[in-house]
PDB file of N, CA and C in Angstrom:
ATOM      1  N   UNK A   1      -3.459  34.948  18.280  1.00  0.00           N
ATOM      2  CA  UNK A   1      -4.739  34.250  17.759  1.00  0.00           C
ATOM      3  C   UNK A   1      -6.027  34.004  18.305  1.00  0.00           C
ATOM      4  N   UNK A   2      -6.915  33.697  17.718  1.00  0.00           N
ATOM      5  CA  UNK A   2      -7.975  33.691  18.927  1.00  0.00           C
ATOM      6  C   UNK A   2      -8.003  32.189  19.696  1.00  0.00           C
ATOM      7  N   UNK A   3      -8.739  32.270  20.109  1.00  0.00           N
ATOM      8  CA  UNK A   3      -9.268  30.729  21.045  1.00  0.00           C
ATOM      9  C   UNK A   3      -9.884  30.092  20.065  1.00  0.00           C
ATOM     10  N   UNK A   4     -10.648  30.223  19.745  1.00  0.00           N
ATOM     11  CA  UNK A   4     -11.062  28.997  18.372  1.00  0.00           C
ATOM     12  C   UNK A   4     -10.250  28.505  17.778  1.00  0.00           C
ATOM     13  N   UNK A   5      -9.204  29.570  16.788  1.00  0.00           N
ATOM     14  CA  UNK A   5      -8.058  29.009  16.425  1.00  0.00           C
ATOM     15  C   UNK A   5      -7.386  27.602  17.165  1.00  0.00           C
ATOM     16  N   UNK A   6      -6.791  28.727  18.376  1.00  0.00           N
ATOM     17  CA  UNK A   6      -5.862  27.915  19.146  1.00  0.00           C
ATOM     18  C   UNK A   6      -6.973  26.075  19.697  1.00  0.00           C
ATOM     19  N   UNK A   7      -8.008  25.780  19.811  1.00  0.00           N
ATOM     20  CA  UNK A   7      -9.160  25.501  19.615  1.00  0.00           C
ATOM     21  C   UNK A   7      -8.880  23.556  18.394  1.00  0.00           C
ATOM     22  N   UNK A   8      -8.899  24.382  17.275  1.00  0.00           N
ATOM     23  CA  UNK A   8      -8.796  23.738  15.811  1.00  0.00           C
ATOM     24  C   UNK A   8      -7.694  22.967  16.070  1.00  0.00           C
ATOM     25  N   UNK A   9      -6.205  24.099  16.335  1.00  0.00           N
ATOM     26  CA  UNK A   9      -4.867  23.497  16.196  1.00  0.00           C
ATOM     27  C   UNK A   9      -4.662  22.620  16.983  1.00  0.00           C
ATOM     28  N   UNK A  10      -5.371  22.562  18.302  1.00  0.00           N
ATOM     29  CA  UNK A  10      -4.901  21.465  19.531  1.00  0.00           C
ATOM     30  C   UNK A  10      -5.427  20.905  19.424  1.00  0.00           C
ATOM     31  N   UNK A  11      -6.752  20.481  18.650  1.00  0.00           N
ATOM     32  CA  UNK A  11      -7.691  19.274  18.286  1.00  0.00           C
ATOM     33  C   UNK A  11      -6.775  18.399  17.156  1.00  0.00           C
ATOM     34  N   UNK A  12      -6.642  19.768  16.211  1.00  0.00           N
ATOM     35  CA  UNK A  12      -5.244  18.935  14.440  1.00  0.00           C
ATOM     36  C   UNK A  12      -4.875  18.253  15.112  1.00  0.00           C
ATOM     37  N   UNK A  13      -3.826  18.442  16.168  1.00  0.00           N
ATOM     38  CA  UNK A  13      -2.235  18.267  17.130  1.00  0.00           C
ATOM     39  C   UNK A  13      -2.728  17.030  17.618  1.00  0.00           C
ATOM     40  N   UNK A  14      -3.489  17.098  18.475  1.00  0.00           N
ATOM     41  CA  UNK A  14      -4.177  15.815  18.910  1.00  0.00           C
ATOM     42  C   UNK A  14      -4.568  14.278  17.492  1.00  0.00           C
ATOM     43  N   UNK A  15      -5.639  14.526  16.418  1.00  0.00           N
ATOM     44  CA  UNK A  15      -5.917  13.776  15.788  1.00  0.00           C
ATOM     45  C   UNK A  15      -5.018  13.082  15.168  1.00  0.00           C
ATOM     46  N   UNK A  16      -3.830  14.210  14.482  1.00  0.00           N
ATOM     47  CA  UNK A  16      -2.841  13.882  14.029  1.00  0.00           C
ATOM     48  C   UNK A  16      -1.945  12.830  14.432  1.00  0.00           C
ATOM     49  N   UNK A  17      -1.144  12.852  15.979  1.00  0.00           N
ATOM     50  CA  UNK A  17      -1.294  11.982  17.013  1.00  0.00           C
ATOM     51  C   UNK A  17      -1.445  11.064  16.941  1.00  0.00           C
ATOM     52  N   UNK A  18      -2.791  10.944  16.876  1.00  0.00           N
ATOM     53  CA  UNK A  18      -3.223   9.607  17.379  1.00  0.00           C
ATOM     54  C   UNK A  18      -3.556   9.187  15.751  1.00  0.00           C
ATOM     55  N   UNK A  19      -3.530   9.526  14.700  1.00  0.00           N
ATOM     56  CA  UNK A  19      -3.356   8.420  13.458  1.00  0.00           C
ATOM     57  C   UNK A  19      -2.465   8.197  12.733  1.00  0.00           C
ATOM     58  N   UNK A  20      -1.505   9.215  13.320  1.00  0.00           N
ATOM     59  CA  UNK A  20       0.105   8.654  13.000  1.00  0.00           C
ATOM     60  C   UNK A  20       0.442   6.985  14.061  1.00  0.00           C
ATOM     61  N   UNK A  21       0.099   7.619  14.812  1.00  0.00           N
ATOM     62  CA  UNK A  21       0.267   6.853  16.028  1.00  0.00           C
ATOM     63  C   UNK A  21      -0.254   5.132  15.060  1.00  0.00           C
ATOM     64  N   UNK A  22      -1.353   5.300  15.096  1.00  0.00           N
ATOM     65  CA  UNK A  22      -2.122   3.902  14.563  1.00  0.00           C
ATOM     66  C   UNK A  22      -1.942   3.596  13.667  1.00  0.00           C
ATOM     67  N   UNK A  23      -1.367   4.961  12.360  1.00  0.00           N
ATOM     68  CA  UNK A  23      -1.783   4.353  10.988  1.00  0.00           C
ATOM     69  C   UNK A  23       0.315   4.499  10.234  1.00  0.00           C
ATOM     70  N   UNK A  24       1.212   4.565  10.549  1.00  0.00           N
ATOM     71  CA  UNK A  24       1.836   4.287  10.138  1.00  0.00           C
ATOM     72  C   UNK A  24       2.973   5.588  10.356  1.00  0.00           C
ATOM     73  N   UNK A  25       2.329   6.459  10.355  1.00  0.00           N
ATOM     74  CA  UNK A  25       3.109   7.505  10.892  1.00  0.00           C
ATOM     75  C   UNK A  25       2.754   8.737   9.157  1.00  0.00           C
ATOM     76  N   UNK A  26       0.988   8.245   9.049  1.00  0.00           N
ATOM     77  CA  UNK A  26       0.576   8.545   8.145  1.00  0.00           C
ATOM     78  C   UNK A  26       0.720  10.050   7.323  1.00  0.00           C
ATOM     79  N   UNK A  27       0.349  11.113   8.511  1.00  0.00           N
ATOM     80  CA  UNK A  27       0.205  12.908   7.703  1.00  0.00           C
ATOM     81  C   UNK A  27       1.883  13.066   8.725  1.00  0.00           C
ATOM     82  N   UNK A  28       3.008  13.445   7.294  1.00  0.00           N
ATOM     83  CA  UNK A  28       3.787  14.218   7.372  1.00  0.00           C
ATOM     84  C   UNK A  28       3.189  16.110   7.886  1.00  0.00           C
ATOM     85  N   UNK A  29       4.939  15.854   8.134  1.00  0.00           N
ATOM     86  CA  UNK A  29       4.634  17.600   8.993  1.00  0.00           C
ATOM     87  C   UNK A  29       4.434  18.716   7.910  1.00  0.00           C
ATOM     88  N   UNK A  30       4.725  18.617   6.310  1.00  0.00           N
ATOM     89  CA  UNK A  30       4.211  19.464   5.507  1.00  0.00           C
ATOM     90  C   UNK A  30       2.304  19.021   5.472  1.00  0.00           C
ATOM     91  N   UNK A  31       2.037  18.087   5.203  1.00  0.00           N
ATOM     92  CA  UNK A  31       0.050  18.093   5.389  1.00  0.00           C
ATOM     93  C   UNK A  31       0.170  18.194   6.448  1.00  0.00           C
ATOM     94  N   UNK A  32       0.519  18.024   7.927  1.00  0.00           N
ATOM     95  CA  UNK A  32      -0.067  18.552   8.119  1.00  0.00           C
ATOM     96  C   UNK A  32      -0.570  20.516   8.836  1.00  0.00           C
ATOM     97  N   UNK A  33       0.648  21.001   8.249  1.00  0.00           N
ATOM     98  CA  UNK A  33       0.667  22.553   8.506  1.00  0.00           C
ATOM     99  C   UNK A  33      -0.123  23.270   7.218  1.00  0.00           C
ATOM    100  N   UNK A  34       0.158  22.001   6.395  1.00  0.00           N
ATOM    101  CA  UNK A  34      -1.382  22.258   5.593  1.00  0.00           C
ATOM    102  C   UNK A  34      -3.168  23.066   5.960  1.00  0.00           C
ATOM    103  N   UNK A  35      -3.199  22.006   6.795  1.00  0.00           N
ATOM    104  CA  UNK A  35      -4.298  21.166   7.739  1.00  0.00           C
ATOM    105  C   UNK A  35      -4.288  22.494   8.487  1.00  0.00           C
ATOM    106  N   UNK A  36      -3.753  22.750   9.333  1.00  0.00           N
ATOM    107  CA  UNK A  36      -3.733  24.134   9.633  1.00  0.00           C
ATOM    108  C   UNK A  36      -4.166  24.837   9.390  1.00  0.00           C
ATOM    109  N   UNK A  37      -3.228  25.685   8.184  1.00  0.00           N
ATOM    110  CA  UNK A  37      -3.695  26.571   7.133  1.00  0.00           C
ATOM    111  C   UNK A  37      -5.149  26.037   6.707  1.00  0.00           C
ATOM    112  N   UNK A  38      -5.399  25.606   6.272  1.00  0.00           N
ATOM    113  CA  UNK A  38      -6.287  25.053   5.763  1.00  0.00           C
ATOM    114  C   UNK A  38      -8.194  25.783   6.760  1.00  0.00           C
ATOM    115  N   UNK A  39      -8.211  24.876   8.136  1.00  0.00           N
ATOM    116  CA  UNK A  39      -9.326  25.180   9.384  1.00  0.00           C
ATOM    117  C   UNK A  39      -8.825  26.066   9.769  1.00  0.00           C
ATOM    118  N   UNK A  40      -7.689  27.100  10.338  1.00  0.00           N
ATOM    119  CA  UNK A  40      -8.205  28.256  10.715  1.00  0.00           C
ATOM    120  C   UNK A  40      -8.792  29.602   9.989  1.00  0.00           C
ATOM    121  N   UNK A  41      -8.790  30.198  10.420  1.00  0.00           N
ATOM    122  CA  UNK A  41      -9.067  31.829  10.525  1.00  0.00           C
ATOM    123  C   UNK A  41     -10.511  31.430   9.615  1.00  0.00           C
ATOM    124  N   UNK A  42     -11.511  30.330   9.899  1.00  0.00           N
ATOM    125  CA  UNK A  42     -12.429  29.788   9.108  1.00  0.00           C
ATOM    126  C   UNK A  42     -13.951  30.805   9.516  1.00  0.00           C
ATOM    127  N   UNK A  43     -14.672  30.926   9.077  1.00  0.00           N
ATOM    128  CA  UNK A  43     -16.018  31.470   9.263  1.00  0.00           C
ATOM    129  C   UNK A  43     -16.891  30.559  10.380  1.00  0.00           C
ATOM    130  N   UNK A  44     -16.681  29.235   9.901  1.00  0.00           N
ATOM    131  CA  UNK A  44     -17.754  28.490  10.730  1.00  0.00           C
ATOM    132  C   UNK A  44     -17.490  28.013  11.834  1.00  0.00           C
ATOM    133  N   UNK A  45     -18.415  27.290  12.761  1.00  0.00           N
ATOM    134  CA  UNK A  45     -18.020  27.386  14.177  1.00  0.00           C
ATOM    135  C   UNK A  45     -17.235  25.920  14.178  1.00  0.00           C
ATOM    136  N   UNK A  46     -16.543  25.856  15.810  1.00  0.00           N
ATOM    137  CA  UNK A  46     -15.690  24.766  16.221  1.00  0.00           C
ATOM    138  C   UNK A  46     -16.118  23.729  15.984  1.00  0.00           C
ATOM    139  N   UNK A  47     -17.263  23.516  16.505  1.00  0.00           N
ATOM    140  CA  UNK A  47     -18.100  22.068  16.486  1.00  0.00           C
ATOM    141  C   UNK A  47     -17.919  21.765  14.424  1.00  0.00           C
ATOM    142  N   UNK A  48     -18.770  22.217  13.737  1.00  0.00           N
ATOM    143  CA  UNK A  48     -18.772  22.110  12.378  1.00  0.00           C
ATOM    144  C   UNK A  48     -16.893  22.106  11.481  1.00  0.00           C
ATOM    145  N   UNK A  49     -15.799  23.228  11.988  1.00  0.00           N
ATOM    146  CA  UNK A  49     -14.815  22.599  11.540  1.00  0.00           C
ATOM    147  C   UNK A  49     -14.485  21.274  12.039  1.00  0.00           C
ATOM    148  N   UNK A  50     -14.884  20.827  13.437  1.00  0.00           N
ATOM    149  CA  UNK A  50     -14.026  19.980  14.183  1.00  0.00           C
ATOM    150  C   UNK A  50     -14.628  18.500  13.341  1.00  0.00           C
ATOM    151  N   UNK A  51     -16.473  19.136  12.932  1.00  0.00           N
ATOM    152  CA  UNK A  51     -16.675  17.739  12.127  1.00  0.00           C
ATOM    153  C   UNK A  51     -16.425  16.949  10.590  1.00  0.00           C
ATOM    154  N   UNK A  52     -15.720  18.739  10.310  1.00  0.00           N
ATOM    155  CA  UNK A  52     -15.023  18.277   8.574  1.00  0.00           C
ATOM    156  C   UNK A  52     -13.845  17.236   9.569  1.00  0.00           C
ATOM    157  N   UNK A  53     -13.119  17.756  10.394  1.00  0.00           N
ATOM    158  CA  UNK A  53     -11.240  17.557  10.172  1.00  0.00           C
ATOM    159  C   UNK A  53     -12.020  15.626  10.473  1.00  0.00           C
ATOM    160  N   UNK A  54     -12.533  15.217  11.622  1.00  0.00           N
ATOM    161  CA  UNK A  54     -13.181  14.040  11.599  1.00  0.00           C
ATOM    162  C   UNK A  54     -13.315  13.630  10.833  1.00  0.00           C
ATOM    163  N   UNK A  55     -13.695  14.109   9.485  1.00  0.00           N
ATOM    164  CA  UNK A  55     -14.524  13.640   8.519  1.00  0.00           C
ATOM    165  C   UNK A  55     -13.006  12.659   7.716  1.00  0.00           C
ATOM    166  N   UNK A  56     -11.922  14.230   7.488  1.00  0.00           N
ATOM    167  CA  UNK A  56     -10.861  14.076   6.862  1.00  0.00           C
ATOM    168  C   UNK A  56     -10.160  13.065   7.361  1.00  0.00           C
ATOM    169  N   UNK A  57     -10.059  13.022   8.780  1.00  0.00           N
ATOM    170  CA  UNK A  57      -9.109  11.609   9.013  1.00  0.00           C
ATOM    171  C   UNK A  57      -9.818  10.041   9.306  1.00  0.00           C
ATOM    172  N   UNK A  58     -11.102  10.079   9.159  1.00  0.00           N
ATOM    173  CA  UNK A  58     -11.835   8.807   9.009  1.00  0.00           C
ATOM    174  C   UNK A  58     -11.552   9.066   7.109  1.00  0.00           C
ATOM    175  N   UNK A  59     -11.292   9.481   6.554  1.00  0.00           N
ATOM    176  CA  UNK A  59     -10.652   9.278   5.338  1.00  0.00           C
ATOM    177  C   UNK A  59      -9.333   8.737   5.362  1.00  0.00           C
ATOM    178  N   UNK A  60      -8.971   9.464   5.237  1.00  0.00           N
ATOM    179  CA  UNK A  60      -7.492   9.321   5.534  1.00  0.00           C
ATOM    180  C   UNK A  60      -7.024   7.425   6.408  1.00  0.00           C
ATOM    181  N   UNK A  61      -7.975   7.199   7.496  1.00  0.00           N
ATOM    182  CA  UNK A  61      -7.282   5.957   7.984  1.00  0.00           C
ATOM    183  C   UNK A  61      -8.033   4.545   7.204  1.00  0.00           C
ATOM    184  N   UNK A  62      -9.730   5.415   6.102  1.00  0.00           N
ATOM    185  CA  UNK A  62     -10.155   4.486   5.557  1.00  0.00           C
ATOM    186  C   UNK A  62      -8.749   4.414   4.148  1.00  0.00           C
ATOM    187  N   UNK A  63      -8.145   5.084   3.959  1.00  0.00           N
ATOM    188  CA  UNK A  63      -7.706   4.687   2.577  1.00  0.00           C
ATOM    189  C   UNK A  63      -6.214   3.961   2.917  1.00  0.00           C
ATOM    190  N   UNK A  64      -5.735   4.321   4.602  1.00  0.00           N
ATOM    191  CA  UNK A  64      -4.182   3.523   4.894  1.00  0.00           C
ATOM    192  C   UNK A  64      -5.065   2.087   5.143  1.00  0.00           C
ATOM    193  N   UNK A  65      -6.155   1.761   5.784  1.00  0.00           N
ATOM    194  CA  UNK A  65      -6.156   0.750   5.742  1.00  0.00           C
ATOM    195  C   UNK A  65      -6.522   0.004   4.304  1.00  0.00           C
ATOM    196  N   UNK A  66      -7.131   0.486   3.242  1.00  0.00           N
ATOM    197  CA  UNK A  66      -6.981  -0.388   1.970  1.00  0.00           C
ATOM    198  C   UNK A  66      -5.687  -0.291   1.522  1.00  0.00           C
ATOM    199  N   UNK A  67      -5.235   0.795   1.597  1.00  0.00           N
ATOM    200  CA  UNK A  67      -3.790   0.016   1.365  1.00  0.00           C
ATOM    201  C   UNK A  67      -2.903  -1.173   1.945  1.00  0.00           C
ATOM    202  N   UNK A  68      -3.582  -0.993   3.872  1.00  0.00           N
ATOM    203  CA  UNK A  68      -2.569  -2.554   3.974  1.00  0.00           C
ATOM    204  C   UNK A  68      -3.007  -3.596   3.136  1.00  0.00           C
ATOM    205  N   UNK A  69      -4.211  -3.635   2.968  1.00  0.00           N
ATOM    206  CA  UNK A  69      -5.223  -5.383   2.302  1.00  0.00           C
ATOM    207  C   UNK A  69      -4.776  -5.270   1.334  1.00  0.00           C
ATOM    208  N   UNK A  70      -4.825  -4.427  -0.145  1.00  0.00           N
ATOM    209  CA  UNK A  70      -4.252  -4.255  -1.399  1.00  0.00           C
ATOM    210  C   UNK A  70      -2.827  -4.532  -0.970  1.00  0.00           C
ATOM    211  N   UNK A  71      -1.395  -4.659  -0.457  1.00  0.00           N
ATOM    212  CA  UNK A  71      -0.410  -4.713  -0.171  1.00  0.00           C
ATOM    213  C   UNK A  71      -0.299  -5.810   0.514  1.00  0.00           C
ATOM    214  N   UNK A  72      -1.171  -6.542   1.351  1.00  0.00           N
ATOM    215  CA  UNK A  72      -1.296  -7.961   1.553  1.00  0.00           C
ATOM    216  C   UNK A  72      -1.417  -8.820   0.355  1.00  0.00           C
ATOM    217  N   UNK A  73      -2.551  -8.244   0.204  1.00  0.00           N
ATOM    218  CA  UNK A  73      -2.681  -9.612  -1.326  1.00  0.00           C
ATOM    219  C   UNK A  73      -2.074  -9.630  -1.802  1.00  0.00           C
ATOM    220  N   UNK A  74      -1.409  -8.798  -2.305  1.00  0.00           N
ATOM    221  CA  UNK A  74      -0.189  -8.727  -3.178  1.00  0.00           C
ATOM    222  C   UNK A  74       0.754  -9.790  -2.804  1.00  0.00           C
ATOM    223  N   UNK A  75       1.250  -9.555  -1.356  1.00  0.00           N
ATOM    224  CA  UNK A  75       2.205 -10.415  -0.990  1.00  0.00           C
ATOM    225  C   UNK A  75       1.749 -11.782  -0.607  1.00  0.00           C
ATOM    226  N   UNK A  76       0.331 -12.152  -0.406  1.00  0.00           N
ATOM    227  CA  UNK A  76      -0.098 -13.375  -0.506  1.00  0.00           C
ATOM    228  C   UNK A  76       0.087 -13.689  -2.050  1.00  0.00           C
ATOM    229  N   UNK A  77      -0.340 -13.403  -3.534  1.00  0.00           N
ATOM    230  CA  UNK A  77      -0.677 -13.345  -4.529  1.00  0.00           C
ATOM    231  C   UNK A  77       1.519 -14.131  -4.757  1.00  0.00           C
ATOM    232  N   UNK A  78       2.190 -12.942  -4.285  1.00  0.00           N
ATOM    233  CA  UNK A  78       3.149 -13.394  -4.685  1.00  0.00           C
ATOM    234  C   UNK A  78       3.964 -14.746  -3.452  1.00  0.00           C
ATOM    235  N   UNK A  79       3.492 -15.157  -3.029  1.00  0.00           N
ATOM    236  CA  UNK A  79       3.926 -15.962  -2.039  1.00  0.00           C
ATOM    237  C   UNK A  79       3.218 -16.867  -2.687  1.00  0.00           C
ATOM    238  N   UNK A  80       2.384 -17.221  -3.065  1.00  0.00           N
ATOM    239  CA  UNK A  80       1.588 -17.965  -3.557  1.00  0.00           C
ATOM    240  C   UNK A  80       2.060 -18.796  -5.014  1.00  0.00           C
ATOM    241  N   UNK A  81       2.101 -17.507  -5.960  1.00  0.00           N
ATOM    242  CA  UNK A  81       3.347 -17.749  -7.197  1.00  0.00           C
ATOM    243  C   UNK A  81       4.329 -18.593  -7.407  1.00  0.00           C
ATOM    244  N   UNK A  82       5.337 -17.917  -6.208  1.00  0.00           N
ATOM    245  CA  UNK A  82       6.504 -18.648  -5.882  1.00  0.00           C
ATOM    246  C   UNK A  82       6.429 -19.894  -5.476  1.00  0.00           C
ATOM    247  N   UNK A  83       5.104 -20.459  -4.337  1.00  0.00           N
ATOM    248  CA  UNK A  83       5.005 -21.946  -3.580  1.00  0.00           C
ATOM    249  C   UNK A  83       4.821 -22.439  -5.184  1.00  0.00           C
ATOM    250  N   UNK A  84       3.730 -21.993  -6.021  1.00  0.00           N
ATOM    251  CA  UNK A  84       3.621 -23.001  -6.597  1.00  0.00           C
ATOM    252  C   UNK A  84       4.950 -23.287  -8.172  1.00  0.00           C
ATOM    253  N   UNK A  85       5.500 -21.966  -8.200  1.00  0.00           N
ATOM    254  CA  UNK A  85       6.992 -22.438  -9.107  1.00  0.00           C
ATOM    255  C   UNK A  85       7.701 -23.312  -8.555  1.00  0.00           C
ATOM    256  N   UNK A  86       7.913 -23.522  -7.334  1.00  0.00           N
ATOM    257  CA  UNK A  86       8.726 -24.570  -6.244  1.00  0.00           C
ATOM    258  C   UNK A  86       7.933 -25.665  -6.905  1.00  0.00           C
ATOM    259  N   UNK A  87       6.632 -25.750  -6.439  1.00  0.00           N
ATOM    260  CA  UNK A  87       6.116 -27.503  -6.587  1.00  0.00           C
ATOM    261  C   UNK A  87       6.308 -28.004  -8.139  1.00  0.00           C
ATOM    262  N   UNK A  88       5.970 -26.712  -9.068  1.00  0.00           N
ATOM    263  CA  UNK A  88       6.050 -27.008 -10.619  1.00  0.00           C
ATOM    264  C   UNK A  88       8.189 -27.638 -11.014  1.00  0.00           C
ATOM    265  N   UNK A  89       8.998 -26.865  -9.915  1.00  0.00           N
ATOM    266  CA  UNK A  89       9.795 -27.224 -10.432  1.00  0.00           C
ATOM    267  C   UNK A  89      10.529 -29.077  -9.595  1.00  0.00           C
ATOM    268  N   UNK A  90       9.623 -29.210  -8.470  1.00  0.00           N
ATOM    269  CA  UNK A  90      10.195 -30.959  -7.625  1.00  0.00           C
ATOM    270  C   UNK A  90       9.646 -31.271  -9.116  1.00  0.00           C
ATOM    271  N   UNK A  91       8.143 -30.953  -9.106  1.00  0.00           N
ATOM    272  CA  UNK A  91       6.965 -32.367 -10.398  1.00  0.00           C
ATOM    273  C   UNK A  91       8.503 -33.007 -11.452  1.00  0.00           C
ATOM    274  N   UNK A  92       9.119 -31.455 -11.678  1.00  0.00           N
ATOM    275  CA  UNK A  92      10.148 -31.821 -12.863  1.00  0.00           C
ATOM    276  C   UNK A  92      11.153 -32.448 -12.747  1.00  0.00           C
ATOM    277  N   UNK A  93      11.773 -32.031 -11.309  1.00  0.00           N
ATOM    278  CA  UNK A  93      13.004 -32.768 -11.276  1.00  0.00           C
ATOM    279  C   UNK A  93      12.005 -34.764 -10.637  1.00  0.00           C
ATOM    280  N   UNK A  94      11.798 -34.505 -10.564  1.00  0.00           N
ATOM    281  CA  UNK A  94      11.098 -35.812 -10.093  1.00  0.00           C
ATOM    282  C   UNK A  94      10.810 -36.955 -11.476  1.00  0.00           C
TER     283      UNK A  94
END
């Protein structure tokens, strides 16, 4: 493996470790291996490949944050509905 590919693999590894740490293991091993295959042995220089990797990492982070927001909103709506049902039941009993 040439030096550029080694740098790419090291950079990908670092980015995936950081992303998985902050985003609850969002990148499984299979996806990581596909990324290695996708980014190694390319004609672009390392800096260009690094920018592409950073773009993908940012997209994954954004998708994860949006997922958390949707999940939080769903839980709030569910809790509010539950509280409304309790309130209606109390009014009916009284």
